[in-house]
Amino acid sequence: MQCNIDAKGKAARMRMGLMTMAGAVILGGLILGGLLTSTYWWYLFGAITFGGAFTIFEARAGWCIVRAMGFKTPI
């Protein structure tokens, strides 16, 4: 895992990861508050949380999985 993004890409991924985690917190609150009752909401909560945590990991490590696969990203 070599660093393959610059400071601008790290900042963009960190913002995206933090916003995703904030969305997960809101979704978790809605689930625990009883507004969303289906079991599927917990699966969505888990997926969003994992995605946000992975994006924050990418920002901290300076590594992007999409770039590592050979795709060019605009940031």
PDB file of N, CA and C in Angstrom:
ATOM      1  N   MET A   1       0.836  -1.177   0.000  1.00  0.00           N
ATOM      2  CA  MET A   1       0.000   0.000   0.000  1.00  0.00           C
ATOM      3  C   MET A   1       0.886   1.247   0.000  1.00  0.00           C
ATOM      4  N   GLN A   2       1.237   1.688  -1.176  1.00  0.00           N
ATOM      5  CA  GLN A   2       2.028   2.907  -1.313  1.00  0.00           C
ATOM      6  C   GLN A   2       1.097   4.102  -1.376  1.00  0.00           C
ATOM      7  N   CYS A   3       1.589   5.237  -0.905  1.00  0.00           N
ATOM      8  CA  CYS A   3       0.814   6.468  -0.971  1.00  0.00           C
ATOM      9  C   CYS A   3       0.560   6.808  -2.442  1.00  0.00           C
ATOM     10  N   ASN A   4      -0.703   6.934  -2.818  1.00  0.00           N
ATOM     11  CA  ASN A   4      -1.008   7.222  -4.214  1.00  0.00           C
ATOM     12  C   ASN A   4      -1.972   8.404  -4.383  1.00  0.00           C
ATOM     13  N   ILE A   5      -2.177   9.187  -3.310  1.00  0.00           N
ATOM     14  CA  ILE A   5      -2.998  10.398  -3.413  1.00  0.00           C
ATOM     15  C   ILE A   5      -2.253  11.539  -2.715  1.00  0.00           C
ATOM     16  N   ASP A   6      -2.545  12.756  -3.166  1.00  0.00           N
ATOM     17  CA  ASP A   6      -1.886  13.913  -2.581  1.00  0.00           C
ATOM     18  C   ASP A   6      -2.728  14.495  -1.443  1.00  0.00           C
ATOM     19  N   ALA A   7      -2.302  15.630  -0.914  1.00  0.00           N
ATOM     20  CA  ALA A   7      -2.984  16.247   0.225  1.00  0.00           C
ATOM     21  C   ALA A   7      -4.419  16.633  -0.113  1.00  0.00           C
ATOM     22  N   LYS A   8      -4.646  17.077  -1.337  1.00  0.00           N
ATOM     23  CA  LYS A   8      -5.998  17.455  -1.760  1.00  0.00           C
ATOM     24  C   LYS A   8      -6.915  16.227  -1.774  1.00  0.00           C
ATOM     25  N   GLY A   9      -6.421  15.110  -2.258  1.00  0.00           N
ATOM     26  CA  GLY A   9      -7.195  13.865  -2.271  1.00  0.00           C
ATOM     27  C   GLY A   9      -7.446  13.339  -0.867  1.00  0.00           C
ATOM     28  N   LYS A  10      -6.444  13.473   0.000  1.00  0.00           N
ATOM     29  CA  LYS A  10      -6.615  13.051   1.393  1.00  0.00           C
ATOM     30  C   LYS A  10      -7.704  13.869   2.073  1.00  0.00           C
ATOM     31  N   ALA A  11      -7.672  15.178   1.858  1.00  0.00           N
ATOM     32  CA  ALA A  11      -8.673  16.055   2.476  1.00  0.00           C
ATOM     33  C   ALA A  11     -10.076  15.739   1.962  1.00  0.00           C
ATOM     34  N   ALA A  12     -10.199  15.499   0.662  1.00  0.00           N
ATOM     35  CA  ALA A  12     -11.509  15.183   0.084  1.00  0.00           C
ATOM     36  C   ALA A  12     -12.045  13.862   0.640  1.00  0.00           C
ATOM     37  N   ARG A  13     -11.185  12.867   0.766  1.00  0.00           N
ATOM     38  CA  ARG A  13     -11.616  11.575   1.306  1.00  0.00           C
ATOM     39  C   ARG A  13     -11.970  11.685   2.782  1.00  0.00           C
ATOM     40  N   MET A  14     -11.237  12.490   3.530  1.00  0.00           N
ATOM     41  CA  MET A  14     -11.546  12.661   4.946  1.00  0.00           C
ATOM     42  C   MET A  14     -12.910  13.332   5.115  1.00  0.00           C
ATOM     43  N   ARG A  15     -13.183  14.375   4.328  1.00  0.00           N
ATOM     44  CA  ARG A  15     -14.498  15.031   4.388  1.00  0.00           C
ATOM     45  C   ARG A  15     -15.608  14.047   4.043  1.00  0.00           C
ATOM     46  N   MET A  16     -15.389  13.279   2.984  1.00  0.00           N
ATOM     47  CA  MET A  16     -16.394  12.314   2.555  1.00  0.00           C
ATOM     48  C   MET A  16     -16.615  11.251   3.636  1.00  0.00           C
ATOM     49  N   GLY A  17     -15.544  10.776   4.243  1.00  0.00           N
ATOM     50  CA  GLY A  17     -15.659   9.771   5.289  1.00  0.00           C
ATOM     51  C   GLY A  17     -16.383  10.288   6.517  1.00  0.00           C
ATOM     52  N   LEU A  18     -16.071  11.521   6.922  1.00  0.00           N
ATOM     53  CA  LEU A  18     -16.728  12.105   8.088  1.00  0.00           C
ATOM     54  C   LEU A  18     -18.212  12.365   7.829  1.00  0.00           C
ATOM     55  N   MET A  19     -18.543  12.809   6.621  1.00  0.00           N
ATOM     56  CA  MET A  19     -19.957  13.019   6.282  1.00  0.00           C
ATOM     57  C   MET A  19     -20.704  11.689   6.255  1.00  0.00           C
ATOM     58  N   THR A  20     -20.064  10.651   5.751  1.00  0.00           N
ATOM     59  CA  THR A  20     -20.680   9.325   5.719  1.00  0.00           C
ATOM     60  C   THR A  20     -20.910   8.805   7.129  1.00  0.00           C
ATOM     61  N   MET A  21     -19.927   8.992   8.007  1.00  0.00           N
ATOM     62  CA  MET A  21     -20.084   8.551   9.396  1.00  0.00           C
ATOM     63  C   MET A  21     -21.181   9.352  10.106  1.00  0.00           C
ATOM     64  N   ALA A  22     -21.301  10.647   9.798  1.00  0.00           N
ATOM     65  CA  ALA A  22     -22.379  11.455  10.367  1.00  0.00           C
ATOM     66  C   ALA A  22     -23.735  10.922   9.904  1.00  0.00           C
ATOM     67  N   GLY A  23     -23.817  10.541   8.640  1.00  0.00           N
ATOM     68  CA  GLY A  23     -25.053   9.940   8.128  1.00  0.00           C
ATOM     69  C   GLY A  23     -25.367   8.627   8.817  1.00  0.00           C
ATOM     70  N   ALA A  24     -24.333   7.850   9.113  1.00  0.00           N
ATOM     71  CA  ALA A  24     -24.530   6.583   9.823  1.00  0.00           C
ATOM     72  C   ALA A  24     -25.044   6.832  11.235  1.00  0.00           C
ATOM     73  N   VAL A  25     -24.525   7.871  11.887  1.00  0.00           N
ATOM     74  CA  VAL A  25     -24.997   8.206  13.238  1.00  0.00           C
ATOM     75  C   VAL A  25     -26.472   8.604  13.200  1.00  0.00           C
ATOM     76  N   ILE A  26     -26.848   9.399  12.215  1.00  0.00           N
ATOM     77  CA  ILE A  26     -28.253   9.802  12.077  1.00  0.00           C
ATOM     78  C   ILE A  26     -29.129   8.583  11.807  1.00  0.00           C
ATOM     79  N   LEU A  27     -28.693   7.719  10.893  1.00  0.00           N
ATOM     80  CA  LEU A  27     -29.462   6.509  10.599  1.00  0.00           C
ATOM     81  C   LEU A  27     -29.574   5.634  11.841  1.00  0.00           C
ATOM     82  N   GLY A  28     -28.490   5.479  12.587  1.00  0.00           N
ATOM     83  CA  GLY A  28     -28.519   4.694  13.819  1.00  0.00           C
ATOM     84  C   GLY A  28     -29.489   5.270  14.828  1.00  0.00           C
ATOM     85  N   GLY A  29     -29.544   6.586  14.923  1.00  0.00           N
ATOM     86  CA  GLY A  29     -30.502   7.230  15.817  1.00  0.00           C
ATOM     87  C   GLY A  29     -31.939   6.972  15.408  1.00  0.00           C
ATOM     88  N   LEU A  30     -32.193   6.994  14.113  1.00  0.00           N
ATOM     89  CA  LEU A  30     -33.550   6.710  13.628  1.00  0.00           C
ATOM     90  C   LEU A  30     -33.954   5.263  13.899  1.00  0.00           C
ATOM     91  N   ILE A  31     -32.984   4.362  13.764  1.00  0.00           N
ATOM     92  CA  ILE A  31     -33.267   2.950  14.029  1.00  0.00           C
ATOM     93  C   ILE A  31     -33.537   2.742  15.514  1.00  0.00           C
ATOM     94  N   LEU A  32     -32.658   3.272  16.359  1.00  0.00           N
ATOM     95  CA  LEU A  32     -32.815   3.090  17.803  1.00  0.00           C
ATOM     96  C   LEU A  32     -34.031   3.841  18.343  1.00  0.00           C
ATOM     97  N   GLY A  33     -34.407   4.930  17.673  1.00  0.00           N
ATOM     98  CA  GLY A  33     -35.590   5.691  18.066  1.00  0.00           C
ATOM     99  C   GLY A  33     -36.897   5.023  17.685  1.00  0.00           C
ATOM    100  N   GLY A  34     -36.825   3.962  16.906  1.00  0.00           N
ATOM    101  CA  GLY A  34     -38.025   3.229  16.528  1.00  0.00           C
ATOM    102  C   GLY A  34     -38.716   3.737  15.276  1.00  0.00           C
ATOM    103  N   LEU A  35     -38.128   4.712  14.591  1.00  0.00           N
ATOM    104  CA  LEU A  35     -38.747   5.222  13.375  1.00  0.00           C
ATOM    105  C   LEU A  35     -38.535   4.288  12.185  1.00  0.00           C
ATOM    106  N   LEU A  36     -37.450   3.545  12.196  1.00  0.00           N
ATOM    107  CA  LEU A  36     -37.158   2.566  11.153  1.00  0.00           C
ATOM    108  C   LEU A  36     -37.076   1.207  11.835  1.00  0.00           C
ATOM    109  N   THR A  37     -37.968   0.305  11.478  1.00  0.00           N
ATOM    110  CA  THR A  37     -38.089  -0.932  12.244  1.00  0.00           C
ATOM    111  C   THR A  37     -37.636  -2.196  11.516  1.00  0.00           C
ATOM    112  N   SER A  38     -37.434  -2.139  10.236  1.00  0.00           N
ATOM    113  CA  SER A  38     -37.046  -3.335   9.499  1.00  0.00           C
ATOM    114  C   SER A  38     -35.602  -3.729   9.814  1.00  0.00           C
ATOM    115  N   THR A  39     -35.337  -5.008   9.768  1.00  0.00           N
ATOM    116  CA  THR A  39     -33.988  -5.518   9.996  1.00  0.00           C
ATOM    117  C   THR A  39     -33.024  -5.038   8.916  1.00  0.00           C
ATOM    118  N   TYR A  40     -33.526  -4.778   7.745  1.00  0.00           N
ATOM    119  CA  TYR A  40     -32.678  -4.345   6.637  1.00  0.00           C
ATOM    120  C   TYR A  40     -31.989  -3.010   6.927  1.00  0.00           C
ATOM    121  N   TRP A  41     -32.597  -2.176   7.740  1.00  0.00           N
ATOM    122  CA  TRP A  41     -31.967  -0.911   8.090  1.00  0.00           C
ATOM    123  C   TRP A  41     -30.660  -1.140   8.825  1.00  0.00           C
ATOM    124  N   TRP A  42     -30.571  -2.186   9.636  1.00  0.00           N
ATOM    125  CA  TRP A  42     -29.323  -2.485  10.335  1.00  0.00           C
ATOM    126  C   TRP A  42     -28.227  -2.891   9.350  1.00  0.00           C
ATOM    127  N   TYR A  43     -28.596  -3.615   8.303  1.00  0.00           N
ATOM    128  CA  TYR A  43     -27.622  -3.974   7.273  1.00  0.00           C
ATOM    129  C   TYR A  43     -27.102  -2.720   6.563  1.00  0.00           C
ATOM    130  N   LEU A  44     -28.017  -1.805   6.247  1.00  0.00           N
ATOM    131  CA  LEU A  44     -27.631  -0.555   5.611  1.00  0.00           C
ATOM    132  C   LEU A  44     -26.737   0.259   6.553  1.00  0.00           C
ATOM    133  N   PHE A  45     -27.086   0.299   7.821  1.00  0.00           N
ATOM    134  CA  PHE A  45     -26.269   0.990   8.812  1.00  0.00           C
ATOM    135  C   PHE A  45     -24.851   0.418   8.852  1.00  0.00           C
ATOM    136  N   GLY A  46     -24.738  -0.895   8.848  1.00  0.00           N
ATOM    137  CA  GLY A  46     -23.426  -1.544   8.857  1.00  0.00           C
ATOM    138  C   GLY A  46     -22.621  -1.222   7.611  1.00  0.00           C
ATOM    139  N   ALA A  47     -23.273  -1.245   6.462  1.00  0.00           N
ATOM    140  CA  ALA A  47     -22.584  -0.956   5.199  1.00  0.00           C
ATOM    141  C   ALA A  47     -22.109   0.494   5.153  1.00  0.00           C
ATOM    142  N   ILE A  48     -22.950   1.417   5.590  1.00  0.00           N
ATOM    143  CA  ILE A  48     -22.572   2.829   5.585  1.00  0.00           C
ATOM    144  C   ILE A  48     -21.428   3.074   6.565  1.00  0.00           C
ATOM    145  N   THR A  49     -21.510   2.462   7.732  1.00  0.00           N
ATOM    146  CA  THR A  49     -20.456   2.622   8.731  1.00  0.00           C
ATOM    147  C   THR A  49     -19.131   2.072   8.215  1.00  0.00           C
ATOM    148  N   PHE A  50     -19.155   0.890   7.625  1.00  0.00           N
ATOM    149  CA  PHE A  50     -17.932   0.302   7.066  1.00  0.00           C
ATOM    150  C   PHE A  50     -17.361   1.187   5.967  1.00  0.00           C
ATOM    151  N   GLY A  51     -18.221   1.668   5.074  1.00  0.00           N
ATOM    152  CA  GLY A  51     -17.757   2.523   3.982  1.00  0.00           C
ATOM    153  C   GLY A  51     -17.133   3.814   4.491  1.00  0.00           C
ATOM    154  N   GLY A  52     -17.765   4.432   5.463  1.00  0.00           N
ATOM    155  CA  GLY A  52     -17.217   5.658   6.031  1.00  0.00           C
ATOM    156  C   GLY A  52     -15.893   5.424   6.729  1.00  0.00           C
ATOM    157  N   ALA A  53     -15.808   4.341   7.498  1.00  0.00           N
ATOM    158  CA  ALA A  53     -14.562   4.015   8.200  1.00  0.00           C
ATOM    159  C   ALA A  53     -13.449   3.701   7.200  1.00  0.00           C
ATOM    160  N   PHE A  54     -13.761   3.004   6.126  1.00  0.00           N
ATOM    161  CA  PHE A  54     -12.753   2.682   5.120  1.00  0.00           C
ATOM    162  C   PHE A  54     -12.275   3.940   4.398  1.00  0.00           C
ATOM    163  N   THR A  55     -13.188   4.860   4.138  1.00  0.00           N
ATOM    164  CA  THR A  55     -12.805   6.112   3.482  1.00  0.00           C
ATOM    165  C   THR A  55     -11.891   6.935   4.380  1.00  0.00           C
ATOM    166  N   ILE A  56     -12.173   6.953   5.677  1.00  0.00           N
ATOM    167  CA  ILE A  56     -11.299   7.644   6.624  1.00  0.00           C
ATOM    168  C   ILE A  56      -9.935   6.951   6.670  1.00  0.00           C
ATOM    169  N   PHE A  57      -9.921   5.629   6.637  1.00  0.00           N
ATOM    170  CA  PHE A  57      -8.656   4.896   6.582  1.00  0.00           C
ATOM    171  C   PHE A  57      -7.856   5.279   5.348  1.00  0.00           C
ATOM    172  N   GLU A  58      -8.526   5.365   4.200  1.00  0.00           N
ATOM    173  CA  GLU A  58      -7.840   5.763   2.965  1.00  0.00           C
ATOM    174  C   GLU A  58      -7.219   7.150   3.105  1.00  0.00           C
ATOM    175  N   ALA A  59      -7.960   8.064   3.715  1.00  0.00           N
ATOM    176  CA  ALA A  59      -7.451   9.427   3.891  1.00  0.00           C
ATOM    177  C   ALA A  59      -6.234   9.444   4.801  1.00  0.00           C
ATOM    178  N   ARG A  60      -6.293   8.691   5.881  1.00  0.00           N
ATOM    179  CA  ARG A  60      -5.170   8.676   6.834  1.00  0.00           C
ATOM    180  C   ARG A  60      -3.940   7.985   6.233  1.00  0.00           C
ATOM    181  N   ALA A  61      -4.168   6.937   5.456  1.00  0.00           N
ATOM    182  CA  ALA A  61      -3.054   6.186   4.870  1.00  0.00           C
ATOM    183  C   ALA A  61      -2.511   6.836   3.602  1.00  0.00           C
ATOM    184  N   GLY A  62      -3.297   7.738   2.986  1.00  0.00           N
ATOM    185  CA  GLY A  62      -2.868   8.343   1.723  1.00  0.00           C
ATOM    186  C   GLY A  62      -2.946   7.368   0.567  1.00  0.00           C
ATOM    187  N   TRP A  63      -3.829   6.405   0.686  1.00  0.00           N
ATOM    188  CA  TRP A  63      -3.939   5.340  -0.302  1.00  0.00           C
ATOM    189  C   TRP A  63      -5.384   5.226  -0.762  1.00  0.00           C
ATOM    190  N   CYS A  64      -5.592   5.097  -2.050  1.00  0.00           N
ATOM    191  CA  CYS A  64      -6.930   4.976  -2.622  1.00  0.00           C
ATOM    192  C   CYS A  64      -7.033   3.638  -3.339  1.00  0.00           C
ATOM    193  N   ILE A  65      -8.027   2.854  -2.991  1.00  0.00           N
ATOM    194  CA  ILE A  65      -8.188   1.523  -3.585  1.00  0.00           C
ATOM    195  C   ILE A  65      -8.501   1.620  -5.073  1.00  0.00           C
ATOM    196  N   VAL A  66      -9.263   2.634  -5.467  1.00  0.00           N
ATOM    197  CA  VAL A  66      -9.624   2.787  -6.883  1.00  0.00           C
ATOM    198  C   VAL A  66      -8.373   3.110  -7.701  1.00  0.00           C
ATOM    199  N   ARG A  67      -7.520   3.989  -7.187  1.00  0.00           N
ATOM    200  CA  ARG A  67      -6.264   4.300  -7.884  1.00  0.00           C
ATOM    201  C   ARG A  67      -5.336   3.092  -7.900  1.00  0.00           C
ATOM    202  N   ALA A  68      -5.363   2.308  -6.828  1.00  0.00           N
ATOM    203  CA  ALA A  68      -4.507   1.119  -6.767  1.00  0.00           C
ATOM    204  C   ALA A  68      -4.908   0.098  -7.829  1.00  0.00           C
ATOM    205  N   MET A  69      -6.181   0.122  -8.255  1.00  0.00           N
ATOM    206  CA  MET A  69      -6.637  -0.789  -9.302  1.00  0.00           C
ATOM    207  C   MET A  69      -6.332  -0.262 -10.694  1.00  0.00           C
ATOM    208  N   GLY A  70      -5.762   0.950 -10.786  1.00  0.00           N
ATOM    209  CA  GLY A  70      -5.346   1.476 -12.078  1.00  0.00           C
ATOM    210  C   GLY A  70      -6.263   2.511 -12.680  1.00  0.00           C
ATOM    211  N   PHE A  71      -7.342   2.871 -12.014  1.00  0.00           N
ATOM    212  CA  PHE A  71      -8.250   3.880 -12.517  1.00  0.00           C
ATOM    213  C   PHE A  71      -7.744   5.275 -12.142  1.00  0.00           C
ATOM    214  N   LYS A  72      -7.957   6.239 -12.983  1.00  0.00           N
ATOM    215  CA  LYS A  72      -7.580   7.622 -12.697  1.00  0.00           C
ATOM    216  C   LYS A  72      -8.773   8.319 -12.073  1.00  0.00           C
ATOM    217  N   THR A  73      -8.561   8.963 -10.942  1.00  0.00           N
ATOM    218  CA  THR A  73      -9.628   9.723 -10.285  1.00  0.00           C
ATOM    219  C   THR A  73      -9.330  11.207 -10.428  1.00  0.00           C
ATOM    220  N   PRO A  74     -10.348  12.052 -10.517  1.00  0.00           N
ATOM    221  CA  PRO A  74     -10.109  13.473 -10.775  1.00  0.00           C
ATOM    222  C   PRO A  74      -9.480  14.223  -9.598  1.00  0.00           C
ATOM    223  N   ILE A  75      -9.546  13.691  -8.394  1.00  0.00           N
ATOM    224  CA  ILE A  75      -9.008  14.417  -7.236  1.00  0.00           C
ATOM    225  C   ILE A  75      -7.619  13.885  -6.925  1.00  0.00           C
TER     226      ILE A  75
END
